[in-house]
């Protein structure tokens, strides 16, 4: 079975194709997915939630990229985040990885050959790299 949305009018950038949303018994919006016509080659999907009483687009999928906290993610990046990022696991970069230890003592880099380096900033403001 398919769920299909269609807008049969002549479409322009930003026109709605369809939406799925959730409301309470008084029809107050709380969460939804909006689907838009972006251009003749692309669609756009925005995930929206009510945050502190305001309807907020929290994630946008468009032009092959994901935007979090932005409705206009840069096509230069696969992921464009407007705000702080938190990871409770390591972040993989190509074949190496980047992580901050739980004590917050500098940034640790793991090279592809398994060598671990620690990056810290000295009191004088210099970047210090030490092999662990």
C-alpha atoms as a PDB file:
ATOM      1  CA  UNK A   1       0.000   0.000   0.000  1.00  0.00           C
ATOM      2  CA  UNK A   2       1.167   3.520  -0.782  1.00  0.00           C
ATOM      3  CA  UNK A   3       0.418   6.844   0.798  1.00  0.00           C
ATOM      4  CA  UNK A   4       0.516   9.387  -2.018  1.00  0.00           C
ATOM      5  CA  UNK A   5       0.348  13.192  -1.957  1.00  0.00           C
ATOM      6  CA  UNK A   6      -0.050  15.261  -5.094  1.00  0.00           C
ATOM      7  CA  UNK A   7      -0.427  18.916  -5.957  1.00  0.00           C
ATOM      8  CA  UNK A   8      -1.892  19.195  -9.444  1.00  0.00           C
ATOM      9  CA  UNK A   9      -1.381  22.944  -9.825  1.00  0.00           C
ATOM     10  CA  UNK A  10       1.624  24.548 -11.522  1.00  0.00           C
ATOM     11  CA  UNK A  11       4.338  24.355  -8.896  1.00  0.00           C
ATOM     12  CA  UNK A  12       6.906  26.918  -7.760  1.00  0.00           C
ATOM     13  CA  UNK A  13       9.779  26.570  -5.305  1.00  0.00           C
ATOM     14  CA  UNK A  14       8.387  26.094  -1.806  1.00  0.00           C
ATOM     15  CA  UNK A  15       4.885  24.894  -2.789  1.00  0.00           C
ATOM     16  CA  UNK A  16       3.409  22.159  -0.584  1.00  0.00           C
ATOM     17  CA  UNK A  17       3.155  18.660  -2.014  1.00  0.00           C
ATOM     18  CA  UNK A  18       1.727  17.203   1.167  1.00  0.00           C
ATOM     19  CA  UNK A  19       2.099  16.884   4.915  1.00  0.00           C
ATOM     20  CA  UNK A  20       1.602  14.478   7.749  1.00  0.00           C
ATOM     21  CA  UNK A  21       1.033  16.029  11.146  1.00  0.00           C
ATOM     22  CA  UNK A  22      -0.158  15.314  14.663  1.00  0.00           C
ATOM     23  CA  UNK A  23      -2.495  17.439  16.739  1.00  0.00           C
ATOM     24  CA  UNK A  24      -4.237  17.208  20.093  1.00  0.00           C
ATOM     25  CA  UNK A  25      -8.015  16.973  20.582  1.00  0.00           C
ATOM     26  CA  UNK A  26      -8.318  20.761  20.036  1.00  0.00           C
ATOM     27  CA  UNK A  27      -6.459  20.493  16.693  1.00  0.00           C
ATOM     28  CA  UNK A  28      -3.326  22.218  18.088  1.00  0.00           C
ATOM     29  CA  UNK A  29      -0.270  21.251  16.032  1.00  0.00           C
ATOM     30  CA  UNK A  30       2.562  19.376  17.781  1.00  0.00           C
ATOM     31  CA  UNK A  31       4.603  17.503  15.162  1.00  0.00           C
ATOM     32  CA  UNK A  32       4.702  16.942  11.439  1.00  0.00           C
ATOM     33  CA  UNK A  33       6.506  16.249   8.192  1.00  0.00           C
ATOM     34  CA  UNK A  34       6.065  18.771   5.378  1.00  0.00           C
ATOM     35  CA  UNK A  35       6.868  17.867   1.774  1.00  0.00           C
ATOM     36  CA  UNK A  36       7.655  20.643  -0.708  1.00  0.00           C
ATOM     37  CA  UNK A  37       8.388  21.101  -4.373  1.00  0.00           C
ATOM     38  CA  UNK A  38      11.929  22.527  -4.457  1.00  0.00           C
ATOM     39  CA  UNK A  39      12.571  22.732  -8.199  1.00  0.00           C
ATOM     40  CA  UNK A  40      12.019  20.542 -11.267  1.00  0.00           C
ATOM     41  CA  UNK A  41      14.820  18.210 -10.110  1.00  0.00           C
ATOM     42  CA  UNK A  42      14.428  18.198  -6.323  1.00  0.00           C
ATOM     43  CA  UNK A  43      11.940  17.688  -3.542  1.00  0.00           C
ATOM     44  CA  UNK A  44      12.283  18.974  -0.002  1.00  0.00           C
ATOM     45  CA  UNK A  45      11.180  17.476   3.296  1.00  0.00           C
ATOM     46  CA  UNK A  46      11.037  19.320   6.631  1.00  0.00           C
ATOM     47  CA  UNK A  47      10.487  17.741  10.019  1.00  0.00           C
ATOM     48  CA  UNK A  48       8.679  20.190  12.302  1.00  0.00           C
ATOM     49  CA  UNK A  49       7.887  20.096  16.021  1.00  0.00           C
ATOM     50  CA  UNK A  50       6.380  22.501  18.508  1.00  0.00           C
ATOM     51  CA  UNK A  51       9.179  23.832  20.730  1.00  0.00           C
ATOM     52  CA  UNK A  52       8.349  26.179  23.606  1.00  0.00           C
ATOM     53  CA  UNK A  53       5.027  26.989  21.909  1.00  0.00           C
ATOM     54  CA  UNK A  54       6.566  27.759  18.495  1.00  0.00           C
ATOM     55  CA  UNK A  55       6.366  25.573  15.398  1.00  0.00           C
ATOM     56  CA  UNK A  56      10.006  24.919  14.479  1.00  0.00           C
ATOM     57  CA  UNK A  57      11.546  23.161  11.478  1.00  0.00           C
ATOM     58  CA  UNK A  58      14.225  21.026  13.150  1.00  0.00           C
ATOM     59  CA  UNK A  59      15.502  19.022  10.181  1.00  0.00           C
ATOM     60  CA  UNK A  60      15.429  19.689   6.435  1.00  0.00           C
ATOM     61  CA  UNK A  61      16.283  17.257   3.639  1.00  0.00           C
ATOM     62  CA  UNK A  62      16.953  19.016   0.313  1.00  0.00           C
ATOM     63  CA  UNK A  63      19.387  18.808  -2.617  1.00  0.00           C
ATOM     64  CA  UNK A  64      20.878  15.576  -1.243  1.00  0.00           C
ATOM     65  CA  UNK A  65      21.887  17.171   2.072  1.00  0.00           C
ATOM     66  CA  UNK A  66      20.573  17.217   5.639  1.00  0.00           C
ATOM     67  CA  UNK A  67      20.133  20.434   7.577  1.00  0.00           C
ATOM     68  CA  UNK A  68      19.591  20.398  11.335  1.00  0.00           C
ATOM     69  CA  UNK A  69      18.450  23.704  12.810  1.00  0.00           C
ATOM     70  CA  UNK A  70      18.379  25.291   9.341  1.00  0.00           C
ATOM     71  CA  UNK A  71      15.859  25.280   6.493  1.00  0.00           C
ATOM     72  CA  UNK A  72      18.573  26.200   3.976  1.00  0.00           C
ATOM     73  CA  UNK A  73      21.450  23.735   4.416  1.00  0.00           C
ATOM     74  CA  UNK A  74      24.559  24.407   2.353  1.00  0.00           C
ATOM     75  CA  UNK A  75      24.930  22.139  -0.678  1.00  0.00           C
ATOM     76  CA  UNK A  76      28.692  22.134   0.076  1.00  0.00           C
ATOM     77  CA  UNK A  77      28.150  19.692   2.987  1.00  0.00           C
ATOM     78  CA  UNK A  78      26.164  16.470   3.380  1.00  0.00           C
ATOM     79  CA  UNK A  79      25.294  17.583   6.940  1.00  0.00           C
ATOM     80  CA  UNK A  80      24.826  21.257   7.874  1.00  0.00           C
ATOM     81  CA  UNK A  81      24.117  21.891  11.568  1.00  0.00           C
ATOM     82  CA  UNK A  82      23.127  25.257  13.022  1.00  0.00           C
ATOM     83  CA  UNK A  83      23.931  24.775  16.704  1.00  0.00           C
ATOM     84  CA  UNK A  84      26.099  22.680  18.990  1.00  0.00           C
ATOM     85  CA  UNK A  85      26.774  19.020  18.212  1.00  0.00           C
ATOM     86  CA  UNK A  86      27.140  16.356  20.876  1.00  0.00           C
ATOM     87  CA  UNK A  87      28.369  12.842  20.350  1.00  0.00           C
ATOM     88  CA  UNK A  88      28.486  10.201  23.060  1.00  0.00           C
ATOM     89  CA  UNK A  89      30.658   8.007  20.832  1.00  0.00           C
ATOM     90  CA  UNK A  90      33.713   8.742  18.722  1.00  0.00           C
ATOM     91  CA  UNK A  91      33.301  10.612  15.460  1.00  0.00           C
ATOM     92  CA  UNK A  92      34.834   8.785  12.521  1.00  0.00           C
ATOM     93  CA  UNK A  93      36.756  10.849   9.991  1.00  0.00           C
ATOM     94  CA  UNK A  94      37.654   8.819   6.883  1.00  0.00           C
ATOM     95  CA  UNK A  95      39.723   5.946   8.306  1.00  0.00           C
ATOM     96  CA  UNK A  96      40.750   7.715  11.521  1.00  0.00           C
ATOM     97  CA  UNK A  97      38.657   9.074  14.353  1.00  0.00           C
ATOM     98  CA  UNK A  98      38.303  12.150  16.545  1.00  0.00           C
ATOM     99  CA  UNK A  99      37.085  12.037  20.125  1.00  0.00           C
ATOM    100  CA  UNK A 100      37.177  13.990  23.384  1.00  0.00           C
ATOM    101  CA  UNK A 101      37.703  11.917  26.504  1.00  0.00           C
ATOM    102  CA  UNK A 102      35.123  11.963  29.279  1.00  0.00           C
ATOM    103  CA  UNK A 103      37.198  14.244  31.485  1.00  0.00           C
ATOM    104  CA  UNK A 104      37.271  16.838  28.701  1.00  0.00           C
ATOM    105  CA  UNK A 105      41.075  16.841  28.687  1.00  0.00           C
ATOM    106  CA  UNK A 106      41.845  17.865  25.134  1.00  0.00           C
ATOM    107  CA  UNK A 107      40.937  16.359  21.810  1.00  0.00           C
ATOM    108  CA  UNK A 108      42.191  12.905  20.913  1.00  0.00           C
ATOM    109  CA  UNK A 109      42.966  11.896  17.336  1.00  0.00           C
ATOM    110  CA  UNK A 110      43.345   8.286  16.291  1.00  0.00           C
ATOM    111  CA  UNK A 111      45.356   7.886  13.099  1.00  0.00           C
ATOM    112  CA  UNK A 112      44.571   5.169  10.542  1.00  0.00           C
ATOM    113  CA  UNK A 113      47.569   3.164  11.799  1.00  0.00           C
ATOM    114  CA  UNK A 114      46.219   3.208  15.368  1.00  0.00           C
ATOM    115  CA  UNK A 115      48.527   5.888  16.836  1.00  0.00           C
ATOM    116  CA  UNK A 116      46.663   8.139  19.259  1.00  0.00           C
ATOM    117  CA  UNK A 117      47.495  11.835  19.580  1.00  0.00           C
ATOM    118  CA  UNK A 118      46.225  14.323  22.138  1.00  0.00           C
ATOM    119  CA  UNK A 119      45.691  17.989  21.219  1.00  0.00           C
ATOM    120  CA  UNK A 120      45.618  20.557  24.013  1.00  0.00           C
ATOM    121  CA  UNK A 121      46.118  24.305  24.281  1.00  0.00           C
ATOM    122  CA  UNK A 122      48.898  25.562  26.567  1.00  0.00           C
ATOM    123  CA  UNK A 123      48.443  28.478  28.993  1.00  0.00           C
ATOM    124  CA  UNK A 124      50.253  30.622  26.421  1.00  0.00           C
ATOM    125  CA  UNK A 125      47.665  29.678  23.766  1.00  0.00           C
ATOM    126  CA  UNK A 126      49.875  27.328  21.746  1.00  0.00           C
ATOM    127  CA  UNK A 127      48.493  24.093  20.300  1.00  0.00           C
ATOM    128  CA  UNK A 128      50.325  21.123  21.842  1.00  0.00           C
ATOM    129  CA  UNK A 129      50.253  17.699  20.153  1.00  0.00           C
ATOM    130  CA  UNK A 130      51.464  14.706  22.132  1.00  0.00           C
ATOM    131  CA  UNK A 131      51.535  11.035  21.190  1.00  0.00           C
ATOM    132  CA  UNK A 132      49.665   8.909  23.741  1.00  0.00           C
END
